[in-house]
Amino acid sequence: MVAVETYAGETAMKERAQQALRCAWALAIALCVGGCHQVGHLQAGPMWSLSPETSGRDGLELNTHAAIDPESGSSGVGVDGGLRMKYSNRLRHAGVSVGLAAHPARGESGLLVRAGFNIFQFESVDDQFAFGMFSPSIAAGASFEGYTLTVGMDYIVRFSAVPNEGFVSIKLGLLTMR
């Protein structure tokens, strides 16, 4: 009887986590499109785990960021906030990040750089719940006429039985400026 209750509890927790992931992604898109930012960035692309013992965790990474730049429309460095999601057969990850972002001026091509860390994250890894915070990330790339290509690295710090893990990703995206 205890095993049935535990299984039902784990199933309910997974369903709540999946619902939270869907809500977080919808909120991220609304934030990026909604205009409460000066620089919006929506990206997607493949990711690969850097840990040899974690086969099956390579998959897709989705990010959305909104930056507030002190001088609207100019190139420079601004405060960046975002939602980061990772998805594979054995990994479901959602995190909220903060950091700094450098971007080209409106209508110009140029380099993009973003560095920050997750304020918090929650995950399903190999059917186990995991959570953490302070996971560092960095991404660099280029912007051309509103399209972006970036290469990123992050290290997921977990405060649970699931070990920490590094990832590398290549993402294509859209860059909007107000």
Protein backbone atom coordinates (compact mmCIF):
# COMPACT_ATOMS: atom_id res chain seq x y z
CA MET A 1 0.00 0.00 0.00
CA VAL A 2 2.87 2.38 0.77
CA ALA A 3 4.43 1.77 -2.68
CA VAL A 4 1.15 2.67 -4.39
CA GLU A 5 0.87 5.93 -2.40
CA THR A 6 4.49 6.84 -3.19
CA TYR A 7 3.99 6.16 -6.89
CA ALA A 8 0.78 8.24 -6.94
CA GLY A 9 2.58 11.07 -5.14
CA GLU A 10 5.49 10.99 -7.61
CA THR A 11 3.07 11.00 -10.56
CA ALA A 12 1.20 14.01 -9.16
CA MET A 13 4.50 15.84 -8.55
CA LYS A 14 5.62 15.17 -12.16
CA GLU A 15 2.29 16.43 -13.50
CA ARG A 16 2.57 19.63 -11.41
CA ALA A 17 6.16 20.15 -12.60
CA GLN A 18 5.13 19.72 -16.25
CA GLN A 19 2.26 22.17 -15.78
CA ALA A 20 4.64 24.67 -14.16
CA LEU A 21 7.04 24.29 -17.09
CA ARG A 22 4.25 25.03 -19.58
CA CYS A 23 3.14 28.09 -17.57
CA ALA A 24 6.73 29.36 -17.28
CA TRP A 25 7.27 29.08 -21.03
CA ALA A 26 3.98 30.90 -21.79
CA LEU A 27 4.97 33.65 -19.33
CA ALA A 28 8.42 33.92 -20.93
CA ILE A 29 6.97 34.37 -24.40
CA ALA A 30 4.47 36.95 -23.11
CA LEU A 31 7.28 38.84 -21.36
CA CYS A 32 9.42 38.86 -24.50
CA VAL A 33 6.57 39.93 -26.79
CA GLY A 34 4.73 42.11 -24.27
CA GLY A 35 7.12 45.02 -24.25
CA CYS A 36 8.16 45.43 -20.60
CA HIS A 37 11.76 45.38 -21.78
CA GLN A 38 14.10 47.19 -24.11
CA VAL A 39 15.87 44.16 -25.56
CA GLY A 40 14.07 40.82 -25.98
CA HIS A 41 15.70 37.58 -27.03
CA LEU A 42 14.03 34.26 -27.81
CA GLN A 43 16.32 31.30 -28.61
CA ALA A 44 16.19 27.55 -29.27
CA GLY A 45 18.76 24.94 -30.19
CA PRO A 46 20.45 21.64 -29.39
CA MET A 47 22.30 21.04 -26.12
CA TRP A 48 24.77 18.40 -25.05
CA SER A 49 25.65 17.19 -21.57
CA LEU A 50 29.35 17.42 -20.75
CA SER A 51 29.15 14.61 -18.18
CA PRO A 52 30.12 11.19 -19.63
CA GLU A 53 27.84 9.25 -17.23
CA THR A 54 24.71 11.11 -18.33
CA SER A 55 23.94 9.68 -21.77
CA GLY A 56 20.40 10.41 -22.91
CA ARG A 57 20.33 13.93 -21.49
CA ASP A 58 21.27 15.63 -24.77
CA GLY A 59 18.26 17.46 -26.13
CA LEU A 60 16.74 20.88 -26.75
CA GLU A 61 17.30 24.15 -24.90
CA LEU A 62 14.80 27.03 -25.02
CA ASN A 63 15.60 30.46 -23.58
CA THR A 64 13.92 33.81 -23.44
CA HIS A 65 15.58 36.91 -22.03
CA ALA A 66 14.54 40.50 -21.48
CA ALA A 67 17.17 43.15 -20.81
CA ILE A 68 16.75 46.67 -19.52
CA ASP A 69 19.37 48.95 -21.02
CA PRO A 70 20.10 52.35 -19.42
CA GLU A 71 20.02 54.04 -22.84
CA SER A 72 17.12 52.64 -24.85
CA GLY A 73 18.03 51.63 -28.41
CA SER A 74 21.78 52.06 -27.97
CA SER A 75 24.41 49.38 -27.77
CA GLY A 76 25.67 48.66 -24.32
CA VAL A 77 25.37 46.53 -21.24
CA GLY A 78 22.07 46.03 -19.45
CA VAL A 79 20.54 44.03 -16.65
CA ASP A 80 19.19 40.75 -18.04
CA GLY A 81 16.49 38.44 -16.72
CA GLY A 82 15.32 35.26 -18.35
CA LEU A 83 13.71 31.87 -18.30
CA ARG A 84 15.78 28.88 -19.36
CA MET A 85 14.39 25.46 -20.21
CA LYS A 86 16.06 22.19 -21.14
CA TYR A 87 14.25 19.13 -22.47
CA SER A 88 15.42 15.60 -23.33
CA ASN A 89 14.32 12.00 -22.81
CA ARG A 90 15.79 11.97 -19.30
CA LEU A 91 15.79 15.66 -18.31
CA ARG A 92 13.15 18.38 -17.82
CA HIS A 93 14.65 21.63 -16.51
CA ALA A 94 13.29 25.13 -15.87
CA GLY A 95 15.18 28.00 -14.29
CA VAL A 96 14.93 31.74 -13.75
CA SER A 97 18.17 33.62 -14.44
CA VAL A 98 19.63 37.08 -13.89
CA GLY A 99 22.82 38.63 -15.19
CA LEU A 100 24.30 41.17 -17.55
CA ALA A 101 23.94 41.30 -21.33
CA ALA A 102 25.83 43.28 -23.97
CA HIS A 103 24.15 43.78 -27.33
CA PRO A 104 24.51 45.85 -30.53
CA ALA A 105 22.51 49.03 -31.12
CA ARG A 106 19.05 48.82 -32.69
CA GLY A 107 19.25 47.92 -36.38
CA GLU A 108 22.97 47.07 -36.25
CA SER A 109 24.77 43.76 -36.47
CA GLY A 110 27.27 42.90 -33.79
CA LEU A 111 28.37 40.72 -30.91
CA LEU A 112 26.12 39.49 -28.12
CA VAL A 113 27.42 38.42 -24.72
CA ARG A 114 25.40 37.29 -21.72
CA ALA A 115 26.66 36.12 -18.33
CA GLY A 116 24.62 35.30 -15.26
CA PHE A 117 23.26 32.60 -13.00
CA ASN A 118 19.99 30.88 -12.16
CA ILE A 119 18.20 32.34 -9.15
CA PHE A 120 16.41 29.01 -8.81
CA GLN A 121 15.64 25.97 -10.93
CA PHE A 122 13.60 22.82 -10.68
CA GLU A 123 14.00 19.65 -12.70
CA SER A 124 13.00 16.09 -13.36
CA VAL A 125 16.21 14.13 -13.95
CA ASP A 126 15.98 10.38 -14.60
CA ASP A 127 12.50 10.47 -13.00
CA GLN A 128 13.88 12.10 -9.83
CA PHE A 129 12.93 15.57 -8.63
CA ALA A 130 15.91 17.95 -8.38
CA PHE A 131 16.30 21.63 -7.55
CA GLY A 132 19.09 24.13 -7.21
CA MET A 133 20.27 27.70 -7.56
CA PHE A 134 23.32 29.81 -8.42
CA SER A 135 24.01 27.79 -11.59
CA PRO A 136 26.39 29.92 -13.71
CA SER A 137 25.93 30.40 -17.45
CA ILE A 138 27.62 32.32 -20.25
CA ALA A 139 26.74 32.76 -23.91
CA ALA A 140 28.41 34.61 -26.77
CA GLY A 141 27.42 35.06 -30.36
CA ALA A 142 26.41 37.43 -33.12
CA SER A 143 23.32 39.32 -34.21
CA PHE A 144 22.45 40.07 -37.83
CA GLU A 145 19.25 41.92 -38.80
CA GLY A 146 17.32 40.67 -35.77
CA TYR A 147 18.54 37.05 -35.93
CA THR A 148 21.09 35.62 -33.53
CA LEU A 149 23.43 32.67 -33.26
CA THR A 150 24.98 31.97 -29.86
CA VAL A 151 27.11 29.31 -28.22
CA GLY A 152 26.54 28.84 -24.51
CA MET A 153 27.82 26.89 -21.54
CA ASP A 154 26.21 26.39 -18.18
CA TYR A 155 26.85 24.34 -15.08
CA ILE A 156 23.74 23.13 -13.26
CA VAL A 157 24.22 23.20 -9.47
CA ARG A 158 21.74 20.90 -7.74
CA PHE A 159 20.90 20.71 -4.03
CA SER A 160 19.63 17.14 -4.21
CA ALA A 161 20.86 13.57 -4.73
CA VAL A 162 21.16 14.17 -8.50
CA PRO A 163 24.77 15.17 -9.34
CA ASN A 164 25.68 18.58 -10.80
CA GLU A 165 26.08 18.68 -14.57
CA GLY A 166 27.54 20.88 -17.32
CA PHE A 167 25.96 21.61 -20.71
CA VAL A 168 27.00 23.25 -23.96
CA SER A 169 24.48 24.54 -26.51
CA ILE A 170 24.19 26.24 -29.89
CA LYS A 171 21.07 28.37 -30.30
CA LEU A 172 19.38 30.34 -33.08
CA GLY A 173 17.14 33.17 -32.02
CA LEU A 174 15.27 36.39 -32.60
CA LEU A 175 16.36 39.71 -31.11
CA THR A 176 13.87 42.53 -30.63
CA MET A 177 14.63 46.06 -29.48
CA ARG A 178 12.38 48.94 -28.46
